[in-house]
Protein backbone atom coordinates (compact mmCIF):
# COMPACT_ATOMS: atom_id res chain seq x y z
CA MET A 1 24.22 46.64 153.41
CA ALA A 2 23.14 45.12 150.26
CA SER A 3 25.37 44.94 147.40
CA LEU A 4 25.74 47.93 145.21
CA VAL A 5 27.20 46.03 142.33
CA ASN A 6 24.75 46.37 139.37
CA GLU A 7 25.52 43.04 137.39
CA HIS A 8 23.42 44.09 134.39
CA VAL A 9 26.22 46.37 133.08
CA ARG A 10 28.02 44.30 130.33
CA TYR A 11 30.57 47.04 129.38
CA GLU A 12 31.73 50.16 131.52
CA PRO A 13 32.65 53.38 130.02
CA ASP A 14 36.48 52.41 129.74
CA GLU A 15 36.00 48.91 128.60
CA VAL A 16 36.13 47.79 124.77
CA PRO A 17 33.27 45.76 123.58
CA PRO A 18 33.75 43.37 120.62
CA PRO A 19 33.41 45.33 117.11
CA LEU A 20 30.24 43.98 116.02
CA VAL A 21 28.56 44.38 119.38
CA ALA A 22 29.81 47.95 119.45
CA LEU A 23 28.53 48.59 115.68
CA GLY A 24 25.31 46.83 116.38
CA ALA A 25 24.49 48.80 119.57
CA GLY A 26 25.75 52.11 117.79
CA ALA A 27 23.38 51.41 114.97
CA GLN A 28 20.29 50.70 117.01
CA ALA A 29 20.93 53.78 119.09
CA ALA A 30 21.42 56.00 115.88
CA ALA A 31 18.13 54.48 114.36
CA LEU A 32 16.33 55.59 117.48
CA ILE A 33 17.55 59.14 117.68
CA VAL A 34 17.51 60.22 114.14
CA ALA A 35 13.81 60.55 113.83
CA PRO A 36 13.33 62.98 116.94
CA VAL A 37 16.28 65.06 115.70
CA VAL A 38 14.57 65.64 112.50
CA LEU A 39 11.13 65.88 113.60
CA THR A 40 11.81 68.75 116.22
CA VAL A 41 13.28 70.78 113.19
CA VAL A 42 10.36 69.78 110.93
CA ILE A 43 7.70 70.91 113.55
CA VAL A 44 9.62 74.28 114.28
CA VAL A 45 10.13 75.27 110.48
CA ARG A 46 6.68 74.40 109.60
CA ILE A 47 4.82 76.22 112.66
CA ALA A 48 6.95 79.20 111.80
CA GLY A 49 6.17 79.26 108.13
CA ALA A 50 9.87 79.34 107.02
CA SER A 51 11.08 78.18 103.67
CA GLU A 52 11.42 74.59 102.45
CA SER A 53 14.98 75.25 101.52
CA TYR A 54 15.67 76.28 105.18
CA LEU A 55 13.92 73.08 106.31
CA VAL A 56 16.16 70.85 104.18
CA TRP A 57 19.42 72.78 105.58
CA GLY A 58 18.16 72.95 109.15
CA VAL A 59 17.70 69.05 109.29
CA PHE A 60 21.12 68.64 107.56
CA ALA A 61 22.88 70.87 109.93
CA ALA A 62 20.94 69.32 112.98
CA MET A 63 22.19 65.88 111.98
CA MET A 64 25.78 66.97 111.54
CA VAL A 65 26.02 68.90 114.70
CA CYS A 66 24.28 66.02 116.92
CA GLY A 67 26.70 63.34 115.34
CA LEU A 68 29.75 65.53 116.13
CA THR A 69 28.62 66.31 119.67
CA THR A 70 27.47 62.73 120.56
CA ALA A 71 30.98 61.57 119.61
CA LEU A 72 32.66 64.40 121.58
CA GLN A 73 30.60 63.56 124.74
CA ALA A 74 31.81 60.01 124.59
CA ALA A 75 35.49 60.85 123.63
CA ARG A 76 35.90 63.53 126.37
CA ILE A 77 38.61 65.95 125.03
CA GLY A 78 39.97 67.82 127.90
CA ARG A 79 37.06 69.41 129.75
CA PHE A 80 34.76 68.87 127.04
CA GLY A 81 32.86 65.66 127.13
CA SER A 82 31.32 63.41 129.85
CA GLY A 83 33.33 60.24 128.90
CA HIS A 84 29.86 58.29 128.66
CA VAL A 85 27.42 57.46 126.19
CA LEU A 86 25.20 60.80 126.14
CA ILE A 87 23.40 60.98 122.85
CA MET A 88 22.87 64.52 121.55
CA GLY A 89 19.68 65.81 119.76
CA THR A 90 17.81 68.76 118.75
CA SER A 91 16.11 70.26 122.00
CA GLY A 92 12.26 70.27 122.42
CA ALA A 93 12.84 73.24 125.11
CA PHE A 94 13.77 75.56 122.07
CA ILE A 95 10.61 74.95 120.03
CA ALA A 96 8.52 77.96 121.14
CA VAL A 97 11.56 80.42 121.34
CA SER A 98 12.78 79.27 117.86
CA VAL A 99 9.33 79.77 116.26
CA ALA A 100 9.29 83.24 117.84
CA ALA A 101 12.71 84.09 116.38
CA LEU A 102 11.89 82.73 112.96
CA GLN A 103 8.54 84.50 112.72
CA LEU A 104 9.84 87.83 114.19
CA ALA A 105 13.44 88.04 112.59
CA GLY A 106 14.00 84.99 110.43
CA PRO A 107 16.71 82.09 110.25
CA ALA A 108 19.70 84.50 110.27
CA LYS A 109 18.65 86.05 113.47
CA LEU A 110 17.68 82.68 114.98
CA ALA A 111 21.47 81.69 114.36
CA THR A 112 22.93 84.78 115.94
CA LEU A 113 20.56 84.31 119.07
CA VAL A 114 21.65 80.64 119.39
CA VAL A 115 25.39 81.38 119.21
CA ILE A 116 25.23 84.29 121.74
CA SER A 117 23.07 82.18 124.13
CA SER A 118 25.41 79.22 124.02
CA LEU A 119 27.99 81.38 125.86
CA PHE A 120 25.52 81.21 128.89
CA GLN A 121 25.97 77.58 129.02
CA PHE A 122 29.74 77.74 129.04
CA LEU A 123 29.63 80.39 131.85
CA LEU A 124 27.24 77.91 133.92
CA ALA A 125 29.56 74.97 133.20
CA ALA A 126 32.46 77.02 134.47
CA ARG A 127 30.78 78.39 137.54
CA LEU A 128 28.27 75.91 138.27
CA SER A 129 29.44 75.67 141.84
CA LEU A 130 28.67 79.66 142.10
CA LEU A 131 25.42 79.48 140.62
CA ARG A 132 23.83 76.69 142.42
CA ARG A 133 21.75 78.90 144.87
CA ILE A 134 20.20 80.86 141.90
CA PHE A 135 19.26 78.28 139.47
CA THR A 136 17.80 75.94 142.15
CA PRO A 137 15.86 72.60 141.37
CA THR A 138 12.73 74.85 142.14
CA VAL A 139 13.42 77.27 139.33
CA ALA A 140 14.45 74.58 136.99
CA GLY A 141 11.29 72.55 137.57
CA VAL A 142 9.11 75.73 137.02
CA VAL A 143 10.72 76.72 133.83
CA ILE A 144 10.35 73.19 132.49
CA MET A 145 6.69 73.10 133.14
CA LEU A 146 6.33 76.53 131.42
CA ILE A 147 8.07 75.31 128.58
CA THR A 148 5.51 72.72 127.85
CA ALA A 149 2.69 75.31 128.69
CA THR A 150 4.28 77.62 126.09
CA VAL A 151 4.84 74.97 123.31
CA THR A 152 1.62 73.06 123.80
CA PRO A 153 -0.93 75.78 122.09
CA VAL A 154 1.61 75.83 119.13
CA ILE A 155 1.57 71.84 118.78
CA PHE A 156 -2.34 71.74 118.95
CA ASP A 157 -2.22 74.19 115.98
CA SER A 158 0.00 71.64 114.03
CA LEU A 159 -2.49 68.82 114.53
CA THR A 160 -4.79 70.39 111.96
CA GLN A 161 -2.11 71.43 109.37
CA VAL A 162 -2.89 69.36 106.36
CA PRO A 163 -3.05 70.16 102.61
CA GLU A 164 -6.12 71.97 101.39
CA GLY A 165 -8.92 69.64 100.08
CA THR A 166 -7.68 66.84 102.42
CA ASP A 167 -10.55 64.64 104.02
CA LYS A 168 -11.48 65.92 107.35
CA ALA A 169 -11.06 62.66 109.16
CA ALA A 170 -7.41 62.48 107.96
CA ALA A 171 -5.62 64.67 110.53
CA PRO A 172 -7.44 63.11 113.56
CA LEU A 173 -6.95 59.47 112.42
CA ALA A 174 -3.09 60.06 111.46
CA ALA A 175 -2.46 61.75 114.91
CA GLY A 176 -4.70 59.31 116.88
CA ALA A 177 -2.82 56.23 115.55
CA THR A 178 0.32 57.96 116.33
CA LEU A 179 -0.85 58.75 120.08
CA LEU A 180 -2.34 55.36 120.45
CA VAL A 181 0.87 53.40 119.33
CA VAL A 182 3.46 55.44 121.19
CA ALA A 183 1.30 55.74 124.36
CA GLY A 184 0.34 52.08 124.30
CA LEU A 185 4.04 50.87 123.97
CA ILE A 186 5.19 53.28 126.80
CA LEU A 187 2.12 52.15 129.09
CA ARG A 188 2.42 48.42 128.48
CA GLY A 189 5.28 47.57 126.06
CA PRO A 190 8.55 45.66 127.13
CA PRO A 191 11.47 47.80 127.81
CA SER A 192 13.26 46.73 124.63
CA LEU A 193 10.14 47.68 122.50
CA ARG A 194 9.41 50.74 124.63
CA LEU A 195 12.53 52.48 123.27
CA TRP A 196 11.27 51.95 119.56
CA SER A 197 7.80 53.55 120.36
CA PRO A 198 8.71 56.78 118.64
CA VAL A 199 9.77 55.18 115.49
CA LEU A 200 6.69 52.61 115.52
CA GLY A 201 4.24 55.32 116.38
CA VAL A 202 5.23 57.69 113.73
CA ALA A 203 5.28 54.81 111.34
CA ALA A 204 1.86 53.85 112.35
CA GLY A 205 0.63 57.64 111.75
CA CYS A 206 2.27 57.80 108.31
CA ALA A 207 0.65 54.34 107.38
CA VAL A 208 -2.91 55.69 108.35
CA GLY A 209 -2.38 59.10 106.70
CA ALA A 210 -0.78 57.92 103.47
CA PRO A 211 -4.25 56.73 101.85
CA PHE A 212 -5.36 60.41 102.46
CA GLY A 213 -2.51 61.92 100.56
CA LEU A 214 -0.70 63.12 103.79
CA TYR A 215 2.54 61.49 103.24
CA ASP A 216 4.32 63.18 100.18
CA THR A 217 6.37 60.53 98.45
CA GLY A 218 7.33 62.93 95.62
CA THR A 219 9.99 64.71 97.62
CA VAL A 220 11.50 61.36 98.75
CA GLN A 221 11.69 60.26 95.24
CA ASP A 222 13.13 63.68 94.08
CA ALA A 223 15.84 63.66 96.71
CA SER A 224 19.30 62.57 95.65
CA TRP A 225 21.17 59.80 97.61
CA PHE A 226 24.21 61.68 98.52
CA GLY A 227 24.95 65.30 98.98
CA ALA A 228 24.72 68.41 101.04
CA PRO A 229 22.64 71.51 100.80
CA LEU A 230 25.57 73.99 101.45
CA ALA A 231 23.96 76.72 99.39
CA ASP A 232 21.08 77.07 101.85
CA TRP A 233 23.20 78.26 105.00
CA PRO A 234 21.31 81.25 106.44
CA GLY A 235 23.99 83.24 107.61
CA PHE A 236 23.87 85.65 110.41
CA ASP A 237 21.87 88.74 111.32
CA LEU A 238 24.10 90.91 113.70
CA LYS A 239 21.79 93.78 113.80
CA PRO A 240 20.89 94.41 117.64
CA ASP A 241 17.30 95.54 117.12
CA ALA A 242 14.25 95.43 119.50
CA ALA A 243 13.47 91.84 118.59
CA PHE A 244 16.99 90.72 119.39
CA TRP A 245 17.14 92.25 122.87
CA ALA A 246 13.57 91.02 123.66
CA LEU A 247 14.35 87.39 122.61
CA LEU A 248 17.79 87.04 123.93
CA PRO A 249 16.72 86.74 127.48
CA ALA A 250 14.32 83.80 126.50
CA PHE A 251 17.15 82.04 124.80
CA ALA A 252 19.40 82.54 127.48
CA VAL A 253 16.81 81.11 130.12
CA VAL A 254 16.01 78.06 128.01
CA THR A 255 19.87 77.53 127.43
CA LEU A 256 20.33 77.37 131.14
CA VAL A 257 17.24 75.11 131.76
CA GLY A 258 18.60 72.89 128.80
CA ALA A 259 21.72 72.91 130.78
CA ILE A 260 19.94 71.92 134.05
CA GLU A 261 18.56 68.97 132.07
CA THR A 262 22.05 68.10 130.92
CA ILE A 263 23.29 68.08 134.60
CA GLY A 264 20.48 65.60 135.56
CA ASP A 265 21.59 63.47 132.45
CA GLY A 266 25.05 63.76 133.30
CA VAL A 267 24.32 62.53 136.93
CA ALA A 268 22.04 59.64 135.89
CA ILE A 269 24.31 58.18 133.14
CA GLN A 270 27.31 57.71 135.73
CA ARG A 271 24.77 55.60 137.87
CA VAL A 272 23.64 53.17 134.98
CA SER A 273 27.06 52.84 133.19
CA ARG A 274 29.05 51.09 136.04
CA ARG A 275 28.72 48.05 137.81
CA ARG A 276 29.48 49.68 141.16
CA PRO A 277 27.48 53.03 140.91
CA PRO A 278 29.71 56.01 142.28
CA ALA A 279 28.72 59.15 143.93
CA THR A 280 28.30 61.84 141.40
CA ASP A 281 31.46 63.19 139.73
CA PHE A 282 30.60 66.85 139.00
CA GLN A 283 33.77 67.04 136.69
CA VAL A 284 31.85 64.52 134.52
CA VAL A 285 28.69 66.80 134.68
CA GLN A 286 30.67 69.93 133.78
CA GLY A 287 32.38 67.98 130.82
CA ALA A 288 28.78 67.01 129.61
CA LEU A 289 27.74 70.80 129.95
CA ASN A 290 30.76 71.98 128.02
CA ALA A 291 30.04 69.58 125.12
CA ASP A 292 26.36 70.62 125.30
CA GLY A 293 27.53 74.21 124.98
CA THR A 294 29.78 73.31 122.18
CA GLY A 295 26.74 71.75 120.48
CA ASN A 296 24.62 74.83 120.84
CA LEU A 297 27.44 77.05 119.60
CA LEU A 298 27.85 74.85 116.51
CA SER A 299 24.04 74.71 115.98
CA GLY A 300 24.05 78.49 115.88
CA LEU A 301 27.15 78.83 113.47
CA ALA A 302 25.23 76.12 111.35
CA GLY A 303 22.11 77.96 111.47
CA THR A 304 19.95 75.31 112.96
CA LEU A 305 18.01 74.42 116.35
CA PRO A 306 20.10 74.09 119.48
CA ASN A 307 20.86 70.53 120.77
CA THR A 308 21.03 68.84 124.35
CA THR A 309 21.40 65.33 125.86
CA TYR A 310 18.67 62.99 125.31
CA SER A 311 17.43 61.06 128.55
CA THR A 312 17.16 58.31 125.94
CA SER A 313 20.69 57.54 126.64
CA ILE A 314 19.84 56.53 130.26
CA SER A 315 17.06 53.98 129.06
CA LEU A 316 19.54 52.40 126.28
CA ALA A 317 22.41 51.98 128.84
CA GLU A 318 19.83 50.24 131.26
CA VAL A 319 18.24 48.21 128.63
CA THR A 320 21.58 47.16 126.75
CA GLY A 321 23.94 47.08 129.63
CA ILE A 322 26.32 48.95 127.36
CA GLY A 323 28.17 52.09 128.78
CA ALA A 324 31.40 51.85 126.55
CA ARG A 325 32.37 55.33 125.26
CA ARG A 326 33.44 53.58 122.02
CA VAL A 327 29.77 52.92 121.23
CA GLY A 328 29.06 56.60 121.84
CA ILE A 329 31.64 57.62 119.25
CA ILE A 330 30.13 54.86 116.82
CA ILE A 331 26.52 56.37 117.20
CA GLY A 332 27.90 59.96 116.70
CA ALA A 333 29.71 58.81 113.52
CA ILE A 334 26.47 57.13 112.15
CA ILE A 335 24.27 60.21 112.56
CA PHE A 336 26.97 62.46 111.18
CA ALA A 337 27.27 60.33 108.12
CA LEU A 338 23.34 60.04 107.64
CA ALA A 339 23.32 63.77 107.23
CA PHE A 340 24.84 63.45 103.76
CA PHE A 341 22.12 61.15 102.50
CA PRO A 342 19.45 63.50 101.55
CA LYS A 343 17.02 60.61 100.72
CA ILE A 344 17.02 59.53 104.22
CA ALA A 345 16.41 63.00 105.58
CA ALA A 346 13.42 63.40 102.99
CA LEU A 347 11.74 60.22 104.32
CA LEU A 348 11.62 61.97 107.66
CA ILE A 349 10.87 65.53 106.32
CA ALA A 350 7.96 64.17 104.47
CA ILE A 351 6.26 63.00 107.85
CA PRO A 352 2.94 64.85 108.09
CA SER A 353 2.54 67.53 110.67
CA PRO A 354 -0.42 66.01 112.52
CA VAL A 355 1.88 62.94 113.10
CA ALA A 356 4.87 64.97 114.27
CA ALA A 357 2.80 66.93 116.33
CA ALA A 358 1.20 63.94 118.09
CA TYR A 359 4.61 62.60 118.87
CA ILE A 360 5.77 65.94 120.27
CA MET A 361 2.70 66.09 122.55
CA ILE A 362 3.79 63.02 124.31
CA LEU A 363 7.36 64.28 124.84
CA LEU A 364 5.84 67.63 126.29
CA ALA A 365 3.72 65.57 128.57
CA LEU A 366 6.63 63.68 129.91
CA LEU A 367 8.66 66.87 130.13
CA PHE A 368 5.89 68.55 132.18
CA VAL A 369 5.93 65.65 134.77
CA GLN A 370 9.68 65.79 134.63
CA GLY A 371 9.50 69.46 135.85
CA MET A 372 6.86 68.57 138.59
CA ARG A 373 9.26 65.88 139.83
CA ILE A 374 12.22 68.25 140.05
CA VAL A 375 10.26 70.69 142.13
CA ILE A 376 8.89 67.86 144.54
CA GLN A 377 12.17 66.14 144.87
CA ASP A 378 13.72 69.54 146.12
CA GLY A 379 11.29 69.47 148.92
CA VAL A 380 8.10 71.68 148.80
CA ASP A 381 7.47 73.97 152.17
CA HIS A 382 5.30 76.93 151.92
CA ARG A 383 7.93 79.17 150.56
CA LYS A 384 8.89 76.98 147.58
CA ALA A 385 5.22 76.14 146.94
CA LEU A 386 4.50 79.98 146.47
CA VAL A 387 7.51 80.32 144.31
CA ALA A 388 6.65 77.30 142.13
CA GLY A 389 2.89 77.97 141.74
CA LEU A 390 3.02 81.87 141.39
CA SER A 391 5.85 81.68 138.91
CA PHE A 392 4.11 79.09 136.93
CA TRP A 393 0.56 80.89 136.62
CA LEU A 394 2.34 84.21 136.13
CA GLY A 395 4.05 82.74 133.12
CA VAL A 396 0.82 81.08 131.76
CA GLY A 397 -1.12 84.55 132.26
CA PHE A 398 1.60 86.56 130.32
CA GLN A 399 1.85 83.78 127.49
CA ASN A 400 -1.81 84.01 126.97
CA GLY A 401 -2.32 87.70 127.28
CA TRP A 402 -4.39 87.68 130.24
CA ILE A 403 -2.17 90.01 132.48
CA PHE A 404 -2.35 93.82 131.58
CA PRO A 405 -2.03 93.32 127.85
CA ASP A 406 -2.70 96.93 127.11
CA LEU A 407 0.06 98.25 129.24
CA LEU A 408 2.74 95.96 127.68
CA GLY A 409 1.90 97.40 124.05
CA ASP A 410 3.56 95.81 121.12
CA GLY A 411 7.35 96.60 121.76
CA PHE A 412 10.09 95.28 123.91
CA LEU A 413 8.22 94.34 126.91
CA ALA A 414 5.47 92.64 124.93
CA ILE A 415 8.11 90.38 123.30
CA LEU A 416 9.91 89.83 126.54
CA LEU A 417 7.17 88.98 128.97
CA GLY A 418 4.87 87.87 126.45
CA ASN A 419 6.89 84.52 126.33
CA GLY A 420 5.50 82.70 129.38
CA MET A 421 8.83 80.81 130.02
CA THR A 422 10.66 84.11 130.17
CA SER A 423 8.20 85.97 132.55
CA GLY A 424 7.69 82.91 134.61
CA ALA A 425 11.50 82.29 135.12
CA ILE A 426 12.12 85.92 135.91
CA ALA A 427 9.40 85.74 138.68
CA ALA A 428 10.91 82.47 140.04
CA VAL A 429 14.60 83.86 140.06
CA ILE A 430 13.49 87.10 141.84
CA MET A 431 11.68 85.30 144.55
CA MET A 432 14.48 82.78 145.14
CA LEU A 433 17.07 85.67 145.16
CA PHE A 434 14.70 87.23 147.78
CA LEU A 435 14.63 84.17 149.91
CA GLU A 436 18.46 83.86 149.91
CA LEU A 437 18.99 87.51 150.58
CA THR A 438 16.48 87.81 153.50
CA GLY A 439 17.22 84.19 154.93
CA PRO A 440 19.23 83.35 157.85
CA ARG A 441 22.70 85.15 157.55
CA ARG A 442 25.58 82.65 156.83
CA LYS A 443 28.66 83.33 159.10
CA ARG A 444 31.92 82.87 157.16
CA LEU A 445 35.33 82.01 157.84
CA ARG A 446 38.20 82.23 155.01
CA VAL A 447 41.44 80.58 155.93
CA GLU A 448 44.51 79.10 154.33
CA LEU A 449 44.58 75.33 154.61
CA ASP A 450 47.62 74.83 156.81
CA ASP A 451 48.25 73.57 160.34
CA GLU A 452 46.37 76.36 161.97
CA THR A 453 43.17 75.44 160.04
CA LEU A 454 41.57 72.96 162.27
CA PRO A 455 41.77 75.03 165.45
CA ARG A 456 40.33 78.05 163.61
CA VAL A 457 37.57 76.07 162.29
CA SER A 458 36.83 74.66 165.57
CA ASP A 459 36.64 78.02 167.35
CA PHE A 460 34.48 79.32 164.32
CA LEU A 461 31.86 76.43 164.71
CA ARG A 462 31.65 76.74 168.52
CA ASP A 463 31.26 80.37 168.49
CA PHE A 464 28.40 79.95 166.03
CA ALA A 465 26.74 77.07 168.02
CA ILE A 466 26.78 79.25 171.28
CA GLY A 467 25.37 82.21 169.45
CA ALA A 468 22.83 80.09 168.04
CA GLY A 469 21.64 79.12 171.59
CA TRP A 470 23.01 75.70 171.44
CA ASN A 471 23.98 73.92 174.80
CA ALA A 472 27.70 72.99 175.42
CA SER A 473 27.30 69.36 174.40
CA ALA A 474 25.75 70.22 171.16
CA ALA A 475 28.16 72.89 170.39
CA GLU A 476 31.07 70.28 170.83
CA ARG A 477 29.24 67.82 168.68
CA LEU A 478 29.15 70.32 165.99
CA VAL A 479 32.70 71.19 166.30
CA LEU A 480 33.51 67.33 166.19
CA VAL A 481 31.42 67.24 162.69
CA GLY A 482 33.56 70.06 161.51
CA GLU A 483 36.83 68.27 162.46
CA GLU A 484 35.97 64.89 160.82
CA THR A 485 34.83 66.79 157.70
CA LEU A 486 38.07 68.46 157.28
CA ARG A 487 39.93 65.32 158.00
CA SER A 488 37.67 63.57 155.44
CA MET A 489 38.59 66.21 152.82
CA SER A 490 42.27 65.79 153.30
CA SER A 491 44.46 63.89 151.00
CA GLU A 492 46.02 60.64 152.27
CA ASP A 493 49.55 61.66 152.46
CA GLN A 494 49.21 65.02 154.52
CA ASP A 495 46.82 66.43 156.87
CA MET A 496 46.09 69.71 155.11
CA PRO A 497 47.07 70.08 151.44
CA ALA A 498 49.34 73.08 150.87
CA GLY A 499 48.27 76.11 148.58
CA ARG A 500 44.52 75.51 149.11
CA ARG A 501 42.15 78.05 150.57
CA LEU A 502 38.89 76.86 152.47
CA VAL A 503 35.85 78.99 153.04
CA ALA A 504 33.53 77.61 155.86
CA THR A 505 30.03 78.84 156.36
CA ALA A 506 27.46 78.02 158.91
CA ARG A 507 23.65 79.06 159.36
CA SER A 508 20.69 77.94 161.19
CA LEU A 509 17.88 76.23 159.49
CA GLY A 510 15.10 75.61 161.88
CA ARG A 511 16.24 72.82 164.15
CA GLU A 512 19.23 72.05 162.03
CA ALA A 513 22.59 73.84 161.39
CA GLU A 514 24.17 73.81 157.83
CA VAL A 515 27.85 73.97 157.65
CA GLU A 516 29.45 74.23 154.13
CA PHE A 517 33.15 73.69 153.49
CA ILE A 518 34.38 75.01 150.07
CA ALA A 519 37.83 74.23 148.84
CA ALA A 520 39.96 73.82 145.88
CA ALA A 521 38.88 70.50 144.09
CA GLY A 522 41.15 67.38 144.99
CA GLY A 523 41.00 64.20 146.97
CA GLU A 524 38.41 61.50 146.73
CA ASN A 525 34.59 61.85 146.73
CA LEU A 526 33.25 61.69 150.40
CA GLU A 527 29.79 60.30 149.27
CA ASP A 528 31.50 57.43 147.83
CA ARG A 529 33.25 56.55 151.11
CA LEU A 530 29.91 57.01 153.11
CA ALA A 531 28.00 54.90 150.55
CA TYR A 532 30.53 52.04 150.61
CA LEU A 533 31.53 52.14 154.40
CA GLY A 534 29.11 49.37 155.29
CA GLU A 535 31.04 46.96 152.94
CA ALA A 536 34.29 47.49 154.82
CA PRO A 537 35.02 44.53 157.06
CA GLU A 538 36.92 46.54 159.68
CA VAL A 539 38.38 49.97 160.56
CA THR A 540 41.68 50.04 158.91
CA ASP A 541 43.08 53.54 159.85
CA GLU A 542 42.15 56.76 161.32
CA ARG A 543 40.66 58.21 158.17
CA GLU A 544 38.00 55.38 158.20
CA ILE A 545 37.29 56.40 161.68
CA SER A 546 36.63 59.95 160.47
CA PHE A 547 34.14 58.81 157.89
CA ARG A 548 32.35 56.57 160.32
CA LEU A 549 31.91 59.52 162.90
CA LEU A 550 30.75 61.82 160.33
CA ARG A 551 27.95 59.55 159.16
CA HIS A 552 27.17 59.10 162.69
CA LEU A 553 26.98 62.49 163.86
CA SER A 554 25.41 64.36 160.97
CA THR A 555 21.76 64.31 159.49
CA SER A 556 23.15 64.30 155.96
CA VAL A 557 26.30 64.80 154.02
CA SER A 558 26.66 66.06 150.54
CA HIS A 559 29.88 66.18 148.67
CA GLN A 560 30.18 67.92 145.20
CA LYS A 561 33.37 68.16 143.12
CA TYR A 562 33.75 70.48 140.36
CA HIS A 563 36.60 71.23 138.21
CA ASP A 564 37.34 74.65 140.27
CA VAL A 565 36.05 73.80 143.68
CA GLU A 566 35.23 71.10 146.06
CA ILE A 567 32.13 71.56 148.42
CA VAL A 568 31.08 69.49 151.51
CA SER A 569 27.61 70.31 152.92
CA VAL A 570 26.89 68.77 156.31
CA ARG A 571 23.66 69.12 158.29
CA VAL A 572 23.65 68.56 162.17
CA ALA A 573 20.63 68.48 164.35
CA ALA A 574 20.54 71.49 166.65
CA GLY A 575 20.23 71.52 170.43
CA ARG A 576 18.95 74.32 172.41
CA GLY A 577 18.96 74.78 176.18
CA GLY A 578 18.90 71.50 177.88
CA GLU A 579 17.86 69.59 174.84
CA GLN A 580 20.29 66.82 173.59
CA PRO A 581 20.04 66.05 169.93
CA GLU A 582 19.85 62.48 168.99
CA ALA A 583 22.78 60.89 166.91
CA HIS A 584 21.94 59.47 163.43
CA SER A 585 23.13 56.27 162.52
């Protein structure tokens, strides 16, 4: 097996880089993140037509919250935070629903919706293992694609938002310069320069637009060097009117989709932050989700847009080789401190709308492809293809008023289904639930983990295999897989840990059987042992024999560890009649 050591990693999360290295890396990352944080708020407030005072407050609050939660992600206090450098920033996924909330009900209602929807993220973090069959990769990918389809028309309108009397060439030239620089650097720029593409592209767009009067330097000159716009906090609107109930599902859906994006970032950051990449520790992922939920809660309390983890964190770790959590704390501290320098915020707020819209367009294009990739990586059969395709086009149809607009009217249903992301997500979840409920029934066994567990699980799997029409040899092979899985899950000092309950399920999936073991979290991660098994020079104990047998007998093994539960899923090739399934090495 090829070496799994990533020599490019200079500092792992628990290592301490020299102070100057940590400060330099933190300052570089903060400089990269501040502009996207501010631009997302600017584009939402301008599209919605909210007041200039709310724009100043929204930018101030967003920078504060992003700084605090970036530090929390790195510090990892209890179950809050990933313990890695996951930079937090305002979420582009919330652009469309935030614009709708501001236009329909104002900043106070937006704040209330963000606070309430953040609770869904805490629920997902706490019960991530239970919701995994509902919020599948197919559902997540479709919703991400629908987010871009919902936001893009709004962004196109912003491309032409310039002061009255401005030269007609100003907007296309400024937006075009931004697109050319950002896209050019992403397509052909070196990795170190590619990270700076947003900053350089926005700077190029502002430089082109300045001679036309697009960049207002007056607001920058008038801004003070130090201060906080505390008088502009919008407060809350707790009245549960029709707009509130119609918008809440959209906010909940986007919150859960943002959480799914955070799951992806929480998985990826573990891979790029260590010299010897481990199998995914879902306790780290749950910590990232809890910190993300805390950021959304604080954003609502502060009256600004929700935030999320930025995938830029992964690129920064890969380019710099620095995954030390101390750097993450420094990044958060710098972003938080910059919130109290209004002149810096004014420099970013003055960025022309065509320039900001051009930059957001590129982010949306990449986000759309990310959604496609999530759907494809989950495997696309005829069922998932229908779920993805039909959900997407239903969402687009409702968003553009092409589907029974007269029947929806102007009330609750019009607001609820008129958001393409909400209507598409509802369709996708309903179809996935239908597939789950009408699919092959799972046979279940619930037992206490004790000395009698192994024979009871063996009898359960043997009965399942015989009932599914497997031959005797294949049935015993399935039993052997179950035995080795249980041995692999057990702790080193005892065969079956006391006080733990086990739920075993089995179902047929075409020519395979899927067996799932669910128990209280504990022990080492099985995927780690399977990944590194080839590096072991010899079999040292009986447990190593179990790992080797399990890898040989099964077609796939997935081990997920959460705070509340440990899940091992094993797939085994089926044998029917006189067939003898092949072993997989």
